[in-house]
Amino acid sequence: APRVGRPDGEAESGRGLLLVETLADKW
């Protein structure tokens, strides 16, 4: 099951579901 990542500022990936969580009303 995918999980929302909380990458540090230097990470090049891991923000996809954080964007989904922010932009969608529900997911």
PDB file of all heavy atoms in Angstrom:
ATOM      1  N   ALA A   1       0.856  -1.184   0.000  1.00  0.00           N
ATOM      2  CA  ALA A   1       0.000   0.000   0.000  1.00  0.00           C
ATOM      3  C   ALA A   1       0.893   1.236   0.000  1.00  0.00           C
ATOM      4  O   ALA A   1       1.815   1.331   0.807  1.00  0.00           O
ATOM      5  CB  ALA A   1      -0.902   0.007   1.228  1.00  0.00           C
ATOM      6  N   PRO A   2       0.636   2.166  -0.887  1.00  0.00           N
ATOM      7  CA  PRO A   2       1.456   3.373  -0.911  1.00  0.00           C
ATOM      8  C   PRO A   2       1.226   4.229   0.336  1.00  0.00           C
ATOM      9  O   PRO A   2       0.145   4.234   0.898  1.00  0.00           O
ATOM     10  CB  PRO A   2       0.986   4.102  -2.170  1.00  0.00           C
ATOM     11  CG  PRO A   2      -0.360   3.581  -2.447  1.00  0.00           C
ATOM     12  CD  PRO A   2      -0.409   2.187  -1.897  1.00  0.00           C
ATOM     13  N   ARG A   3       2.275   4.921   0.725  1.00  0.00           N
ATOM     14  CA  ARG A   3       2.204   5.813   1.886  1.00  0.00           C
ATOM     15  C   ARG A   3       2.769   7.168   1.498  1.00  0.00           C
ATOM     16  O   ARG A   3       3.666   7.263   0.667  1.00  0.00           O
ATOM     17  CB  ARG A   3       3.013   5.238   3.047  1.00  0.00           C
ATOM     18  CG  ARG A   3       2.424   3.975   3.627  1.00  0.00           C
ATOM     19  CD  ARG A   3       3.217   3.515   4.836  1.00  0.00           C
ATOM     20  NE  ARG A   3       4.648   3.446   4.601  1.00  0.00           N
ATOM     21  CZ  ARG A   3       5.310   2.357   4.229  1.00  0.00           C
ATOM     22  NH1 ARG A   3       4.650   1.233   4.047  1.00  0.00           N
ATOM     23  NH2 ARG A   3       6.603   2.385   4.053  1.00  0.00           N
ATOM     24  N   VAL A   4       2.280   8.194   2.153  1.00  0.00           N
ATOM     25  CA  VAL A   4       2.778   9.538   1.921  1.00  0.00           C
ATOM     26  C   VAL A   4       4.176   9.635   2.515  1.00  0.00           C
ATOM     27  O   VAL A   4       4.384   9.338   3.687  1.00  0.00           O
ATOM     28  CB  VAL A   4       1.858  10.601   2.566  1.00  0.00           C
ATOM     29  CG1 VAL A   4       2.446  11.993   2.416  1.00  0.00           C
ATOM     30  CG2 VAL A   4       0.470  10.537   1.945  1.00  0.00           C
ATOM     31  N   GLY A   5       5.131  10.031   1.673  1.00  0.00           N
ATOM     32  CA  GLY A   5       6.505  10.198   2.136  1.00  0.00           C
ATOM     33  C   GLY A   5       6.730  11.602   2.683  1.00  0.00           C
ATOM     34  O   GLY A   5       6.006  12.535   2.346  1.00  0.00           O
ATOM     35  N   ARG A   6       7.702  11.730   3.508  1.00  0.00           N
ATOM     36  CA  ARG A   6       8.111  13.029   4.049  1.00  0.00           C
ATOM     37  C   ARG A   6       9.622  13.170   3.822  1.00  0.00           C
ATOM     38  O   ARG A   6      10.419  13.141   4.756  1.00  0.00           O
ATOM     39  CB  ARG A   6       7.801  13.122   5.551  1.00  0.00           C
ATOM     40  CG  ARG A   6       6.358  12.851   5.909  1.00  0.00           C
ATOM     41  CD  ARG A   6       5.465  14.024   5.576  1.00  0.00           C
ATOM     42  NE  ARG A   6       4.104  13.712   6.040  1.00  0.00           N
ATOM     43  CZ  ARG A   6       3.023  14.057   5.394  1.00  0.00           C
ATOM     44  NH1 ARG A   6       3.099  14.736   4.282  1.00  0.00           N
ATOM     45  NH2 ARG A   6       1.836  13.746   5.862  1.00  0.00           N
ATOM     46  N   PRO A   7      10.024  13.298   2.542  1.00  0.00           N
ATOM     47  CA  PRO A   7      11.455  13.352   2.240  1.00  0.00           C
ATOM     48  C   PRO A   7      12.087  14.650   2.736  1.00  0.00           C
ATOM     49  O   PRO A   7      11.414  15.676   2.870  1.00  0.00           O
ATOM     50  CB  PRO A   7      11.488  13.286   0.713  1.00  0.00           C
ATOM     51  CG  PRO A   7      10.182  13.830   0.284  1.00  0.00           C
ATOM     52  CD  PRO A   7       9.199  13.437   1.359  1.00  0.00           C
ATOM     53  N   ASP A   8      13.397  14.577   2.999  1.00  0.00           N
ATOM     54  CA  ASP A   8      14.091  15.799   3.397  1.00  0.00           C
ATOM     55  C   ASP A   8      14.269  16.691   2.165  1.00  0.00           C
ATOM     56  O   ASP A   8      13.998  16.287   1.038  1.00  0.00           O
ATOM     57  CB  ASP A   8      15.422  15.483   4.077  1.00  0.00           C
ATOM     58  CG  ASP A   8      16.429  14.820   3.150  1.00  0.00           C
ATOM     59  OD1 ASP A   8      16.448  15.123   1.937  1.00  0.00           O
ATOM     60  OD2 ASP A   8      17.230  14.008   3.651  1.00  0.00           O
ATOM     61  N   GLY A   9      14.712  17.894   2.380  1.00  0.00           N
ATOM     62  CA  GLY A   9      14.820  18.883   1.305  1.00  0.00           C
ATOM     63  C   GLY A   9      15.755  18.507   0.191  1.00  0.00           C
ATOM     64  O   GLY A   9      15.666  19.045  -0.910  1.00  0.00           O
ATOM     65  N   GLU A  10      16.656  17.570   0.402  1.00  0.00           N
ATOM     66  CA  GLU A  10      17.639  17.190  -0.603  1.00  0.00           C
ATOM     67  C   GLU A  10      17.197  15.984  -1.435  1.00  0.00           C
ATOM     68  O   GLU A  10      17.796  15.701  -2.460  1.00  0.00           O
ATOM     69  CB  GLU A  10      18.965  16.886   0.083  1.00  0.00           C
ATOM     70  CG  GLU A  10      19.397  18.002   0.994  1.00  0.00           C
ATOM     71  CD  GLU A  10      20.769  18.532   0.647  1.00  0.00           C
ATOM     72  OE1 GLU A  10      21.433  17.932  -0.198  1.00  0.00           O
ATOM     73  OE2 GLU A  10      21.138  19.554   1.231  1.00  0.00           O
ATOM     74  N   ALA A  11      16.163  15.293  -1.008  1.00  0.00           N
ATOM     75  CA  ALA A  11      15.706  14.097  -1.725  1.00  0.00           C
ATOM     76  C   ALA A  11      15.145  14.467  -3.095  1.00  0.00           C
ATOM     77  O   ALA A  11      14.488  15.491  -3.258  1.00  0.00           O
ATOM     78  CB  ALA A  11      14.640  13.374  -0.908  1.00  0.00           C
ATOM     79  N   GLU A  12      15.437  13.629  -4.092  1.00  0.00           N
ATOM     80  CA  GLU A  12      14.983  13.890  -5.450  1.00  0.00           C
ATOM     81  C   GLU A  12      13.657  13.226  -5.768  1.00  0.00           C
ATOM     82  O   GLU A  12      13.105  13.423  -6.845  1.00  0.00           O
ATOM     83  CB  GLU A  12      16.048  13.432  -6.444  1.00  0.00           C
ATOM     84  CG  GLU A  12      17.310  14.266  -6.361  1.00  0.00           C
ATOM     85  CD  GLU A  12      18.337  13.861  -7.393  1.00  0.00           C
ATOM     86  OE1 GLU A  12      17.994  13.082  -8.303  1.00  0.00           O
ATOM     87  OE2 GLU A  12      19.477  14.321  -7.278  1.00  0.00           O
ATOM     88  N   SER A  13      13.145  12.418  -4.873  1.00  0.00           N
ATOM     89  CA  SER A  13      11.870  11.746  -5.110  1.00  0.00           C
ATOM     90  C   SER A  13      11.146  11.573  -3.780  1.00  0.00           C
ATOM     91  O   SER A  13      11.641  11.973  -2.733  1.00  0.00           O
ATOM     92  CB  SER A  13      12.104  10.384  -5.779  1.00  0.00           C
ATOM     93  OG  SER A  13      12.832   9.543  -4.912  1.00  0.00           O
ATOM     94  N   GLY A  14       9.954  10.981  -3.841  1.00  0.00           N
ATOM     95  CA  GLY A  14       9.219  10.682  -2.628  1.00  0.00           C
ATOM     96  C   GLY A  14       8.142  11.687  -2.257  1.00  0.00           C
ATOM     97  O   GLY A  14       7.586  11.631  -1.173  1.00  0.00           O
ATOM     98  N   ARG A  15       7.829  12.610  -3.182  1.00  0.00           N
ATOM     99  CA  ARG A  15       6.835  13.645  -2.875  1.00  0.00           C
ATOM    100  C   ARG A  15       5.506  13.451  -3.603  1.00  0.00           C
ATOM    101  O   ARG A  15       4.599  14.251  -3.445  1.00  0.00           O
ATOM    102  CB  ARG A  15       7.392  15.015  -3.228  1.00  0.00           C
ATOM    103  CG  ARG A  15       8.533  15.446  -2.345  1.00  0.00           C
ATOM    104  CD  ARG A  15       9.124  16.786  -2.777  1.00  0.00           C
ATOM    105  NE  ARG A  15      10.231  17.157  -1.927  1.00  0.00           N
ATOM    106  CZ  ARG A  15      11.479  16.730  -2.081  1.00  0.00           C
ATOM    107  NH1 ARG A  15      11.779  15.924  -3.074  1.00  0.00           N
ATOM    108  NH2 ARG A  15      12.428  17.108  -1.256  1.00  0.00           N
ATOM    109  N   GLY A  16       5.385  12.410  -4.397  1.00  0.00           N
ATOM    110  CA  GLY A  16       4.192  12.218  -5.221  1.00  0.00           C
ATOM    111  C   GLY A  16       2.899  12.174  -4.448  1.00  0.00           C
ATOM    112  O   GLY A  16       1.961  12.920  -4.738  1.00  0.00           O
ATOM    113  N   LEU A  17       2.826  11.318  -3.449  1.00  0.00           N
ATOM    114  CA  LEU A  17       1.582  11.212  -2.685  1.00  0.00           C
ATOM    115  C   LEU A  17       1.377  12.397  -1.760  1.00  0.00           C
ATOM    116  O   LEU A  17       0.242  12.708  -1.401  1.00  0.00           O
ATOM    117  CB  LEU A  17       1.525   9.893  -1.912  1.00  0.00           C
ATOM    118  CG  LEU A  17       1.310   8.668  -2.796  1.00  0.00           C
ATOM    119  CD1 LEU A  17       1.341   7.395  -1.962  1.00  0.00           C
ATOM    120  CD2 LEU A  17       0.024   8.768  -3.587  1.00  0.00           C
ATOM    121  N   LEU A  18       2.443  13.082  -1.414  1.00  0.00           N
ATOM    122  CA  LEU A  18       2.301  14.324  -0.655  1.00  0.00           C
ATOM    123  C   LEU A  18       1.576  15.360  -1.516  1.00  0.00           C
ATOM    124  O   LEU A  18       0.698  16.080  -1.039  1.00  0.00           O
ATOM    125  CB  LEU A  18       3.674  14.846  -0.222  1.00  0.00           C
ATOM    126  CG  LEU A  18       3.700  16.082   0.659  1.00  0.00           C
ATOM    127  CD1 LEU A  18       2.909  15.861   1.941  1.00  0.00           C
ATOM    128  CD2 LEU A  18       5.140  16.453   0.991  1.00  0.00           C
ATOM    129  N   LEU A  19       1.898  15.402  -2.804  1.00  0.00           N
ATOM    130  CA  LEU A  19       1.177  16.282  -3.737  1.00  0.00           C
ATOM    131  C   LEU A  19      -0.282  15.869  -3.853  1.00  0.00           C
ATOM    132  O   LEU A  19      -1.176  16.715  -3.840  1.00  0.00           O
ATOM    133  CB  LEU A  19       1.830  16.259  -5.118  1.00  0.00           C
ATOM    134  CG  LEU A  19       3.140  17.002  -5.258  1.00  0.00           C
ATOM    135  CD1 LEU A  19       3.800  16.676  -6.597  1.00  0.00           C
ATOM    136  CD2 LEU A  19       2.915  18.495  -5.134  1.00  0.00           C
ATOM    137  N   VAL A  20      -0.528  14.565  -3.983  1.00  0.00           N
ATOM    138  CA  VAL A  20      -1.902  14.072  -4.087  1.00  0.00           C
ATOM    139  C   VAL A  20      -2.679  14.443  -2.827  1.00  0.00           C
ATOM    140  O   VAL A  20      -3.806  14.943  -2.905  1.00  0.00           O
ATOM    141  CB  VAL A  20      -1.929  12.545  -4.328  1.00  0.00           C
ATOM    142  CG1 VAL A  20      -3.349  12.000  -4.252  1.00  0.00           C
ATOM    143  CG2 VAL A  20      -1.300  12.207  -5.675  1.00  0.00           C
ATOM    144  N   GLU A  21      -2.079  14.237  -1.674  1.00  0.00           N
ATOM    145  CA  GLU A  21      -2.727  14.566  -0.405  1.00  0.00           C
ATOM    146  C   GLU A  21      -3.067  16.058  -0.324  1.00  0.00           C
ATOM    147  O   GLU A  21      -4.110  16.452   0.205  1.00  0.00           O
ATOM    148  CB  GLU A  21      -1.808  14.178   0.754  1.00  0.00           C
ATOM    149  CG  GLU A  21      -2.391  14.440   2.122  1.00  0.00           C
ATOM    150  CD  GLU A  21      -1.438  14.006   3.213  1.00  0.00           C
ATOM    151  OE1 GLU A  21      -0.380  14.654   3.364  1.00  0.00           O
ATOM    152  OE2 GLU A  21      -1.752  13.020   3.897  1.00  0.00           O
ATOM    153  N   THR A  22      -2.204  16.887  -0.882  1.00  0.00           N
ATOM    154  CA  THR A  22      -2.402  18.340  -0.843  1.00  0.00           C
ATOM    155  C   THR A  22      -3.442  18.811  -1.856  1.00  0.00           C
ATOM    156  O   THR A  22      -4.273  19.669  -1.537  1.00  0.00           O
ATOM    157  CB  THR A  22      -1.058  19.052  -1.119  1.00  0.00           C
ATOM    158  OG1 THR A  22      -0.126  18.652  -0.112  1.00  0.00           O
ATOM    159  CG2 THR A  22      -1.210  20.558  -1.095  1.00  0.00           C
ATOM    160  N   LEU A  23      -3.439  18.256  -3.055  1.00  0.00           N
ATOM    161  CA  LEU A  23      -4.282  18.759  -4.137  1.00  0.00           C
ATOM    162  C   LEU A  23      -5.690  18.158  -4.170  1.00  0.00           C
ATOM    163  O   LEU A  23      -6.640  18.834  -4.558  1.00  0.00           O
ATOM    164  CB  LEU A  23      -3.602  18.522  -5.488  1.00  0.00           C
ATOM    165  CG  LEU A  23      -2.277  19.253  -5.694  1.00  0.00           C
ATOM    166  CD1 LEU A  23      -1.620  18.805  -6.995  1.00  0.00           C
ATOM    167  CD2 LEU A  23      -2.482  20.752  -5.671  1.00  0.00           C
ATOM    168  N   ALA A  24      -5.821  16.890  -3.812  1.00  0.00           N
ATOM    169  CA  ALA A  24      -7.126  16.222  -3.858  1.00  0.00           C
ATOM    170  C   ALA A  24      -7.921  16.523  -2.591  1.00  0.00           C
ATOM    171  O   ALA A  24      -7.353  16.776  -1.531  1.00  0.00           O
ATOM    172  CB  ALA A  24      -6.940  14.713  -4.013  1.00  0.00           C
ATOM    173  N   ASP A  25      -9.244  16.479  -2.700  1.00  0.00           N
ATOM    174  CA  ASP A  25     -10.082  16.633  -1.514  1.00  0.00           C
ATOM    175  C   ASP A  25     -10.014  15.393  -0.630  1.00  0.00           C
ATOM    176  O   ASP A  25     -10.033  15.485   0.592  1.00  0.00           O
ATOM    177  CB  ASP A  25     -11.535  16.903  -1.913  1.00  0.00           C
ATOM    178  CG  ASP A  25     -11.677  18.246  -2.599  1.00  0.00           C
ATOM    179  OD1 ASP A  25     -11.109  19.239  -2.101  1.00  0.00           O
ATOM    180  OD2 ASP A  25     -12.332  18.300  -3.647  1.00  0.00           O
ATOM    181  N   LYS A  26      -9.933  14.239  -1.268  1.00  0.00           N
ATOM    182  CA  LYS A  26      -9.793  12.960  -0.576  1.00  0.00           C
ATOM    183  C   LYS A  26      -8.943  12.064  -1.458  1.00  0.00           C
ATOM    184  O   LYS A  26      -8.954  12.200  -2.682  1.00  0.00           O
ATOM    185  CB  LYS A  26     -11.139  12.260  -0.394  1.00  0.00           C
ATOM    186  CG  LYS A  26     -12.111  12.921   0.520  1.00  0.00           C
ATOM    187  CD  LYS A  26     -13.371  12.054   0.590  1.00  0.00           C
ATOM    188  CE  LYS A  26     -14.491  12.740   1.314  1.00  0.00           C
ATOM    189  NZ  LYS A  26     -15.708  11.919   1.293  1.00  0.00           N
ATOM    190  N   TRP A  27      -8.258  11.128  -0.843  1.00  0.00           N
ATOM    191  CA  TRP A  27      -7.562  10.096  -1.592  1.00  0.00           C
ATOM    192  C   TRP A  27      -7.441   8.873  -0.695  1.00  0.00           C
ATOM    193  O   TRP A  27      -7.589   8.959   0.515  1.00  0.00           O
ATOM    194  CB  TRP A  27      -6.203  10.577  -2.110  1.00  0.00           C
ATOM    195  CG  TRP A  27      -5.107  10.543  -1.079  1.00  0.00           C
ATOM    196  CD1 TRP A  27      -4.856  11.479  -0.123  1.00  0.00           C
ATOM    197  CD2 TRP A  27      -4.157   9.488  -0.882  1.00  0.00           C
ATOM    198  NE1 TRP A  27      -3.798  11.086   0.649  1.00  0.00           N
ATOM    199  CE2 TRP A  27      -3.343   9.875   0.203  1.00  0.00           C
ATOM    200  CE3 TRP A  27      -3.910   8.281  -1.521  1.00  0.00           C
ATOM    201  CZ2 TRP A  27      -2.303   9.081   0.651  1.00  0.00           C
ATOM    202  CZ3 TRP A  27      -2.872   7.484  -1.067  1.00  0.00           C
ATOM    203  CH2 TRP A  27      -2.082   7.893   0.002  1.00  0.00           C
TER     204      TRP A  27
END
